[in-house]
Amino acid sequence: MNLLHLEGRALLLQGVTKVVSSSQSQAVVQCGDSLIVLTGGNIEVKKLELEKGEVCLEGDFVNIKLSAQREKQSFLKRIFK
């Protein structure tokens, strides 16, 4: 289960398995088979507890996008479509 909780400038995500990337303008977080892409300004990872599956981000969030991650195909399958 994924939970988003926004309070002021702080955002708590639960169900996190990995923080893929993080910069001041964008953070990408993996939750199971889905990716959450957060864009905005002054984005910082304040707390990361992967054992609990939680990450706390702070910043000026403009956009939150949820996308299903594609199943990875082998190199040969991609060549011989």
PDB file of N, CA and C in Angstrom:
ATOM      1  N   MET A   1       0.845  -1.183   0.000  1.00  0.00           N
ATOM      2  CA  MET A   1       0.000   0.000   0.000  1.00  0.00           C
ATOM      3  C   MET A   1       0.888   1.242   0.000  1.00  0.00           C
ATOM      4  N   ASN A   2       0.554   2.212  -0.837  1.00  0.00           N
ATOM      5  CA  ASN A   2       1.297   3.459  -0.918  1.00  0.00           C
ATOM      6  C   ASN A   2       0.468   4.568  -0.298  1.00  0.00           C
ATOM      7  N   LEU A   3       1.094   5.368   0.528  1.00  0.00           N
ATOM      8  CA  LEU A   3       0.396   6.442   1.187  1.00  0.00           C
ATOM      9  C   LEU A   3       1.170   7.728   0.992  1.00  0.00           C
ATOM     10  N   LEU A   4       0.482   8.752   0.547  1.00  0.00           N
ATOM     11  CA  LEU A   4       1.064  10.084   0.425  1.00  0.00           C
ATOM     12  C   LEU A   4       0.405  10.965   1.467  1.00  0.00           C
ATOM     13  N   HIS A   5       1.208  11.679   2.222  1.00  0.00           N
ATOM     14  CA  HIS A   5       0.674  12.596   3.224  1.00  0.00           C
ATOM     15  C   HIS A   5       1.425  13.921   3.082  1.00  0.00           C
ATOM     16  N   LEU A   6       0.709  14.944   2.677  1.00  0.00           N
ATOM     17  CA  LEU A   6       1.308  16.253   2.464  1.00  0.00           C
ATOM     18  C   LEU A   6       0.872  17.187   3.581  1.00  0.00           C
ATOM     19  N   GLU A   7       1.856  17.794   4.221  1.00  0.00           N
ATOM     20  CA  GLU A   7       1.572  18.736   5.289  1.00  0.00           C
ATOM     21  C   GLU A   7       2.530  19.912   5.140  1.00  0.00           C
ATOM     22  N   GLY A   8       1.996  21.028   4.660  1.00  0.00           N
ATOM     23  CA  GLY A   8       2.854  22.185   4.408  1.00  0.00           C
ATOM     24  C   GLY A   8       3.821  21.880   3.284  1.00  0.00           C
ATOM     25  N   ARG A   9       5.098  21.958   3.582  1.00  0.00           N
ATOM     26  CA  ARG A   9       6.137  21.647   2.594  1.00  0.00           C
ATOM     27  C   ARG A   9       6.653  20.229   2.726  1.00  0.00           C
ATOM     28  N   ALA A  10       6.168  19.468   3.709  1.00  0.00           N
ATOM     29  CA  ALA A  10       6.662  18.111   3.954  1.00  0.00           C
ATOM     30  C   ALA A  10       5.742  17.079   3.308  1.00  0.00           C
ATOM     31  N   LEU A  11       6.342  16.050   2.745  1.00  0.00           N
ATOM     32  CA  LEU A  11       5.607  14.973   2.099  1.00  0.00           C
ATOM     33  C   LEU A  11       6.131  13.651   2.628  1.00  0.00           C
ATOM     34  N   LEU A  12       5.258  12.832   3.178  1.00  0.00           N
ATOM     35  CA  LEU A  12       5.623  11.518   3.688  1.00  0.00           C
ATOM     36  C   LEU A  12       5.072  10.457   2.743  1.00  0.00           C
ATOM     37  N   LEU A  13       5.954   9.600   2.254  1.00  0.00           N
ATOM     38  CA  LEU A  13       5.561   8.495   1.380  1.00  0.00           C
ATOM     39  C   LEU A  13       5.804   7.185   2.116  1.00  0.00           C
ATOM     40  N   GLN A  14       4.818   6.286   2.094  1.00  0.00           N
ATOM     41  CA  GLN A  14       4.968   4.969   2.691  1.00  0.00           C
ATOM     42  C   GLN A  14       4.819   3.918   1.606  1.00  0.00           C
ATOM     43  N   GLY A  15       5.461   2.785   1.792  1.00  0.00           N
ATOM     44  CA  GLY A  15       5.458   1.729   0.790  1.00  0.00           C
ATOM     45  C   GLY A  15       6.620   1.870  -0.175  1.00  0.00           C
ATOM     46  N   VAL A  16       7.630   2.639   0.205  1.00  0.00           N
ATOM     47  CA  VAL A  16       8.782   2.927  -0.655  1.00  0.00           C
ATOM     48  C   VAL A  16       9.760   1.763  -0.609  1.00  0.00           C
ATOM     49  N   THR A  17      10.246   1.355  -1.781  1.00  0.00           N
ATOM     50  CA  THR A  17      11.268   0.308  -1.852  1.00  0.00           C
ATOM     51  C   THR A  17      12.628   0.854  -2.244  1.00  0.00           C
ATOM     52  N   LYS A  18      12.642   2.055  -2.899  1.00  0.00           N
ATOM     53  CA  LYS A  18      13.919   2.607  -3.360  1.00  0.00           C
ATOM     54  C   LYS A  18      13.748   4.069  -3.725  1.00  0.00           C
ATOM     55  N   VAL A  19      14.754   4.884  -3.423  1.00  0.00           N
ATOM     56  CA  VAL A  19      14.806   6.250  -3.942  1.00  0.00           C
ATOM     57  C   VAL A  19      15.718   6.185  -5.164  1.00  0.00           C
ATOM     58  N   VAL A  20      15.122   6.337  -6.343  1.00  0.00           N
ATOM     59  CA  VAL A  20      15.860   6.178  -7.598  1.00  0.00           C
ATOM     60  C   VAL A  20      16.799   7.351  -7.818  1.00  0.00           C
ATOM     61  N   SER A  21      16.290   8.579  -7.641  1.00  0.00           N
ATOM     62  CA  SER A  21      17.131   9.760  -7.788  1.00  0.00           C
ATOM     63  C   SER A  21      16.525  10.918  -7.020  1.00  0.00           C
ATOM     64  N   SER A  22      17.385  11.896  -6.724  1.00  0.00           N
ATOM     65  CA  SER A  22      16.924  13.067  -6.005  1.00  0.00           C
ATOM     66  C   SER A  22      17.817  14.254  -6.354  1.00  0.00           C
ATOM     67  N   SER A  23      17.177  15.348  -6.719  1.00  0.00           N
ATOM     68  CA  SER A  23      17.881  16.602  -6.961  1.00  0.00           C
ATOM     69  C   SER A  23      17.023  17.723  -6.389  1.00  0.00           C
ATOM     70  N   GLN A  24      17.471  18.951  -6.526  1.00  0.00           N
ATOM     71  CA  GLN A  24      16.700  20.063  -5.981  1.00  0.00           C
ATOM     72  C   GLN A  24      15.408  20.300  -6.742  1.00  0.00           C
ATOM     73  N   SER A  25      15.327  19.824  -7.988  1.00  0.00           N
ATOM     74  CA  SER A  25      14.129  20.077  -8.792  1.00  0.00           C
ATOM     75  C   SER A  25      13.263  18.841  -9.017  1.00  0.00           C
ATOM     76  N   GLN A  26      13.791  17.632  -8.708  1.00  0.00           N
ATOM     77  CA  GLN A  26      13.021  16.414  -8.974  1.00  0.00           C
ATOM     78  C   GLN A  26      13.469  15.273  -8.061  1.00  0.00           C
ATOM     79  N   ALA A  27      12.507  14.466  -7.645  1.00  0.00           N
ATOM     80  CA  ALA A  27      12.796  13.238  -6.898  1.00  0.00           C
ATOM     81  C   ALA A  27      11.990  12.111  -7.530  1.00  0.00           C
ATOM     82  N   VAL A  28      12.619  10.951  -7.673  1.00  0.00           N
ATOM     83  CA  VAL A  28      11.961   9.778  -8.229  1.00  0.00           C
ATOM     84  C   VAL A  28      12.053   8.669  -7.190  1.00  0.00           C
ATOM     85  N   VAL A  29      10.887   8.159  -6.787  1.00  0.00           N
ATOM     86  CA  VAL A  29      10.793   7.161  -5.722  1.00  0.00           C
ATOM     87  C   VAL A  29      10.061   5.940  -6.267  1.00  0.00           C
ATOM     88  N   GLN A  30      10.606   4.758  -5.977  1.00  0.00           N
ATOM     89  CA  GLN A  30       9.968   3.513  -6.409  1.00  0.00           C
ATOM     90  C   GLN A  30       9.140   2.950  -5.271  1.00  0.00           C
ATOM     91  N   CYS A  31       7.888   2.615  -5.579  1.00  0.00           N
ATOM     92  CA  CYS A  31       6.964   1.978  -4.636  1.00  0.00           C
ATOM     93  C   CYS A  31       6.445   0.715  -5.301  1.00  0.00           C
ATOM     94  N   GLY A  32       7.040  -0.419  -4.982  1.00  0.00           N
ATOM     95  CA  GLY A  32       6.652  -1.670  -5.639  1.00  0.00           C
ATOM     96  C   GLY A  32       6.962  -1.610  -7.115  1.00  0.00           C
ATOM     97  N   ASP A  33       5.936  -1.778  -7.961  1.00  0.00           N
ATOM     98  CA  ASP A  33       6.121  -1.729  -9.411  1.00  0.00           C
ATOM     99  C   ASP A  33       5.861  -0.353  -9.997  1.00  0.00           C
ATOM    100  N   SER A  34       5.601   0.633  -9.166  1.00  0.00           N
ATOM    101  CA  SER A  34       5.273   1.981  -9.631  1.00  0.00           C
ATOM    102  C   SER A  34       6.376   2.970  -9.279  1.00  0.00           C
ATOM    103  N   LEU A  35       6.448   4.026 -10.060  1.00  0.00           N
ATOM    104  CA  LEU A  35       7.368   5.124  -9.786  1.00  0.00           C
ATOM    105  C   LEU A  35       6.568   6.377  -9.481  1.00  0.00           C
ATOM    106  N   ILE A  36       7.001   7.117  -8.481  1.00  0.00           N
ATOM    107  CA  ILE A  36       6.412   8.410  -8.166  1.00  0.00           C
ATOM    108  C   ILE A  36       7.458   9.460  -8.497  1.00  0.00           C
ATOM    109  N   VAL A  37       7.097  10.381  -9.394  1.00  0.00           N
ATOM    110  CA  VAL A  37       7.992  11.450  -9.819  1.00  0.00           C
ATOM    111  C   VAL A  37       7.459  12.757  -9.246  1.00  0.00           C
ATOM    112  N   LEU A  38       8.279  13.407  -8.415  1.00  0.00           N
ATOM    113  CA  LEU A  38       7.898  14.660  -7.775  1.00  0.00           C
ATOM    114  C   LEU A  38       8.761  15.765  -8.356  1.00  0.00           C
ATOM    115  N   THR A  39       8.139  16.829  -8.834  1.00  0.00           N
ATOM    116  CA  THR A  39       8.893  17.954  -9.371  1.00  0.00           C
ATOM    117  C   THR A  39       8.529  19.218  -8.609  1.00  0.00           C
ATOM    118  N   GLY A  40       9.441  20.168  -8.636  1.00  0.00           N
ATOM    119  CA  GLY A  40       9.243  21.432  -7.942  1.00  0.00           C
ATOM    120  C   GLY A  40      10.576  22.101  -7.698  1.00  0.00           C
ATOM    121  N   GLY A  41      10.727  22.699  -6.530  1.00  0.00           N
ATOM    122  CA  GLY A  41      11.961  23.400  -6.195  1.00  0.00           C
ATOM    123  C   GLY A  41      12.365  23.122  -4.758  1.00  0.00           C
ATOM    124  N   ASN A  42      13.648  23.237  -4.508  1.00  0.00           N
ATOM    125  CA  ASN A  42      14.226  23.050  -3.170  1.00  0.00           C
ATOM    126  C   ASN A  42      13.831  21.716  -2.538  1.00  0.00           C
ATOM    127  N   ILE A  43      13.800  20.651  -3.333  1.00  0.00           N
ATOM    128  CA  ILE A  43      13.401  19.332  -2.842  1.00  0.00           C
ATOM    129  C   ILE A  43      14.589  18.686  -2.126  1.00  0.00           C
ATOM    130  N   GLU A  44      14.336  18.213  -0.906  1.00  0.00           N
ATOM    131  CA  GLU A  44      15.355  17.542  -0.103  1.00  0.00           C
ATOM    132  C   GLU A  44      14.767  16.284   0.523  1.00  0.00           C
ATOM    133  N   VAL A  45      15.583  15.241   0.631  1.00  0.00           N
ATOM    134  CA  VAL A  45      15.200  14.047   1.372  1.00  0.00           C
ATOM    135  C   VAL A  45      15.553  14.326   2.827  1.00  0.00           C
ATOM    136  N   LYS A  46      14.543  14.414   3.684  1.00  0.00           N
ATOM    137  CA  LYS A  46      14.758  14.711   5.092  1.00  0.00           C
ATOM    138  C   LYS A  46      14.943  13.463   5.930  1.00  0.00           C
ATOM    139  N   LYS A  47      14.222  12.388   5.575  1.00  0.00           N
ATOM    140  CA  LYS A  47      14.307  11.151   6.352  1.00  0.00           C
ATOM    141  C   LYS A  47      14.072   9.980   5.407  1.00  0.00           C
ATOM    142  N   LEU A  48      14.908   8.961   5.518  1.00  0.00           N
ATOM    143  CA  LEU A  48      14.784   7.774   4.680  1.00  0.00           C
ATOM    144  C   LEU A  48      14.912   6.543   5.563  1.00  0.00           C
ATOM    145  N   GLU A  49      13.865   5.745   5.637  1.00  0.00           N
ATOM    146  CA  GLU A  49      13.869   4.503   6.401  1.00  0.00           C
ATOM    147  C   GLU A  49      13.319   3.395   5.514  1.00  0.00           C
ATOM    148  N   LEU A  50      14.197   2.774   4.732  1.00  0.00           N
ATOM    149  CA  LEU A  50      13.760   1.742   3.799  1.00  0.00           C
ATOM    150  C   LEU A  50      13.280   0.485   4.526  1.00  0.00           C
ATOM    151  N   GLU A  51      13.775   0.241   5.758  1.00  0.00           N
ATOM    152  CA  GLU A  51      13.297  -0.908   6.520  1.00  0.00           C
ATOM    153  C   GLU A  51      11.797  -0.774   6.794  1.00  0.00           C
ATOM    154  N   LYS A  52      11.349   0.448   7.063  1.00  0.00           N
ATOM    155  CA  LYS A  52       9.931   0.725   7.288  1.00  0.00           C
ATOM    156  C   LYS A  52       9.204   1.066   5.997  1.00  0.00           C
ATOM    157  N   GLY A  53       9.962   1.320   4.912  1.00  0.00           N
ATOM    158  CA  GLY A  53       9.366   1.704   3.639  1.00  0.00           C
ATOM    159  C   GLY A  53       8.883   3.139   3.630  1.00  0.00           C
ATOM    160  N   GLU A  54       9.589   4.029   4.345  1.00  0.00           N
ATOM    161  CA  GLU A  54       9.175   5.427   4.442  1.00  0.00           C
ATOM    162  C   GLU A  54      10.259   6.371   3.953  1.00  0.00           C
ATOM    163  N   VAL A  55       9.815   7.437   3.321  1.00  0.00           N
ATOM    164  CA  VAL A  55      10.707   8.539   2.968  1.00  0.00           C
ATOM    165  C   VAL A  55       9.949   9.839   3.214  1.00  0.00           C
ATOM    166  N   CYS A  56      10.640  10.793   3.791  1.00  0.00           N
ATOM    167  CA  CYS A  56      10.064  12.113   4.043  1.00  0.00           C
ATOM    168  C   CYS A  56      10.829  13.125   3.191  1.00  0.00           C
ATOM    169  N   LEU A  57      10.110  13.825   2.341  1.00  0.00           N
ATOM    170  CA  LEU A  57      10.689  14.831   1.459  1.00  0.00           C
ATOM    171  C   LEU A  57      10.148  16.197   1.851  1.00  0.00           C
ATOM    172  N   GLU A  58      10.965  17.210   1.621  1.00  0.00           N
ATOM    173  CA  GLU A  58      10.520  18.573   1.887  1.00  0.00           C
ATOM    174  C   GLU A  58      10.866  19.425   0.674  1.00  0.00           C
ATOM    175  N   GLY A  59       9.959  20.339   0.327  1.00  0.00           N
ATOM    176  CA  GLY A  59      10.216  21.224  -0.804  1.00  0.00           C
ATOM    177  C   GLY A  59       8.959  21.918  -1.267  1.00  0.00           C
ATOM    178  N   ASP A  60       9.107  22.638  -2.362  1.00  0.00           N
ATOM    179  CA  ASP A  60       7.990  23.333  -2.991  1.00  0.00           C
ATOM    180  C   ASP A  60       7.517  22.464  -4.154  1.00  0.00           C
ATOM    181  N   PHE A  61       6.585  21.547  -3.877  1.00  0.00           N
ATOM    182  CA  PHE A  61       6.143  20.582  -4.873  1.00  0.00           C
ATOM    183  C   PHE A  61       5.145  21.219  -5.839  1.00  0.00           C
ATOM    184  N   VAL A  62       5.383  21.001  -7.127  1.00  0.00           N
ATOM    185  CA  VAL A  62       4.527  21.532  -8.176  1.00  0.00           C
ATOM    186  C   VAL A  62       3.716  20.409  -8.818  1.00  0.00           C
ATOM    187  N   ASN A  63       4.330  19.239  -8.976  1.00  0.00           N
ATOM    188  CA  ASN A  63       3.691  18.144  -9.684  1.00  0.00           C
ATOM    189  C   ASN A  63       4.067  16.818  -9.031  1.00  0.00           C
ATOM    190  N   ILE A  64       3.084  15.944  -8.867  1.00  0.00           N
ATOM    191  CA  ILE A  64       3.314  14.585  -8.394  1.00  0.00           C
ATOM    192  C   ILE A  64       2.709  13.646  -9.431  1.00  0.00           C
ATOM    193  N   LYS A  65       3.555  12.790 -10.003  1.00  0.00           N
ATOM    194  CA  LYS A  65       3.111  11.915 -11.089  1.00  0.00           C
ATOM    195  C   LYS A  65       3.385  10.459 -10.705  1.00  0.00           C
ATOM    196  N   LEU A  66       2.389   9.625 -10.871  1.00  0.00           N
ATOM    197  CA  LEU A  66       2.505   8.200 -10.613  1.00  0.00           C
ATOM    198  C   LEU A  66       2.520   7.477 -11.945  1.00  0.00           C
ATOM    199  N   SER A  67       3.513   6.631 -12.156  1.00  0.00           N
ATOM    200  CA  SER A  67       3.578   5.897 -13.415  1.00  0.00           C
ATOM    201  C   SER A  67       3.920   4.446 -13.141  1.00  0.00           C
ATOM    202  N   ALA A  68       3.298   3.560 -13.906  1.00  0.00           N
ATOM    203  CA  ALA A  68       3.589   2.125 -13.802  1.00  0.00           C
ATOM    204  C   ALA A  68       4.916   1.867 -14.487  1.00  0.00           C
ATOM    205  N   GLN A  69       5.740   1.079 -13.845  1.00  0.00           N
ATOM    206  CA  GLN A  69       7.047   0.768 -14.403  1.00  0.00           C
ATOM    207  C   GLN A  69       6.905  -0.350 -15.423  1.00  0.00           C
ATOM    208  N   ARG A  70       7.556  -0.186 -16.569  1.00  0.00           N
ATOM    209  CA  ARG A  70       7.499  -1.219 -17.601  1.00  0.00           C
ATOM    210  C   ARG A  70       8.282  -2.444 -17.180  1.00  0.00           C
ATOM    211  N   GLU A  71       7.800  -3.586 -17.624  1.00  0.00           N
ATOM    212  CA  GLU A  71       8.537  -4.818 -17.377  1.00  0.00           C
ATOM    213  C   GLU A  71       9.783  -4.801 -18.245  1.00  0.00           C
ATOM    214  N   LYS A  72      10.914  -5.102 -17.648  1.00  0.00           N
ATOM    215  CA  LYS A  72      12.174  -5.077 -18.395  1.00  0.00           C
ATOM    216  C   LYS A  72      12.232  -6.265 -19.344  1.00  0.00           C
ATOM    217  N   GLN A  73      12.584  -5.973 -20.597  1.00  0.00           N
ATOM    218  CA  GLN A  73      12.724  -7.024 -21.594  1.00  0.00           C
ATOM    219  C   GLN A  73      14.208  -7.292 -21.809  1.00  0.00           C
ATOM    220  N   SER A  74      14.504  -8.504 -22.202  1.00  0.00           N
ATOM    221  CA  SER A  74      15.887  -8.843 -22.466  1.00  0.00           C
ATOM    222  C   SER A  74      16.364  -8.106 -23.719  1.00  0.00           C
ATOM    223  N   PHE A  75      17.651  -7.998 -23.849  1.00  0.00           N
ATOM    224  CA  PHE A  75      18.259  -7.306 -24.981  1.00  0.00           C
ATOM    225  C   PHE A  75      17.829  -7.904 -26.299  1.00  0.00           C
ATOM    226  N   LEU A  76      17.793  -9.244 -26.396  1.00  0.00           N
ATOM    227  CA  LEU A  76      17.420  -9.901 -27.644  1.00  0.00           C
ATOM    228  C   LEU A  76      15.951  -9.666 -27.998  1.00  0.00           C
ATOM    229  N   LYS A  77      15.066  -9.651 -27.008  1.00  0.00           N
ATOM    230  CA  LYS A  77      13.660  -9.394 -27.285  1.00  0.00           C
ATOM    231  C   LYS A  77      13.451  -7.979 -27.815  1.00  0.00           C
ATOM    232  N   ARG A  78      14.232  -7.020 -27.325  1.00  0.00           N
ATOM    233  CA  ARG A  78      14.100  -5.646 -27.810  1.00  0.00           C
ATOM    234  C   ARG A  78      14.596  -5.512 -29.247  1.00  0.00           C
ATOM    235  N   ILE A  79      15.616  -6.274 -29.617  1.00  0.00           N
ATOM    236  CA  ILE A  79      16.162  -6.201 -30.980  1.00  0.00           C
ATOM    237  C   ILE A  79      15.226  -6.879 -31.965  1.00  0.00           C
ATOM    238  N   PHE A  80      14.722  -8.071 -31.618  1.00  0.00           N
ATOM    239  CA  PHE A  80      13.913  -8.871 -32.536  1.00  0.00           C
ATOM    240  C   PHE A  80      12.423  -8.738 -32.219  1.00  0.00           C
ATOM    241  N   LYS A  81      11.888  -7.556 -32.348  1.00  0.00           N
ATOM    242  CA  LYS A  81      10.462  -7.334 -32.098  1.00  0.00           C
ATOM    243  C   LYS A  81       9.627  -7.851 -33.240  1.00  0.00           C
TER     244      LYS A  81
END
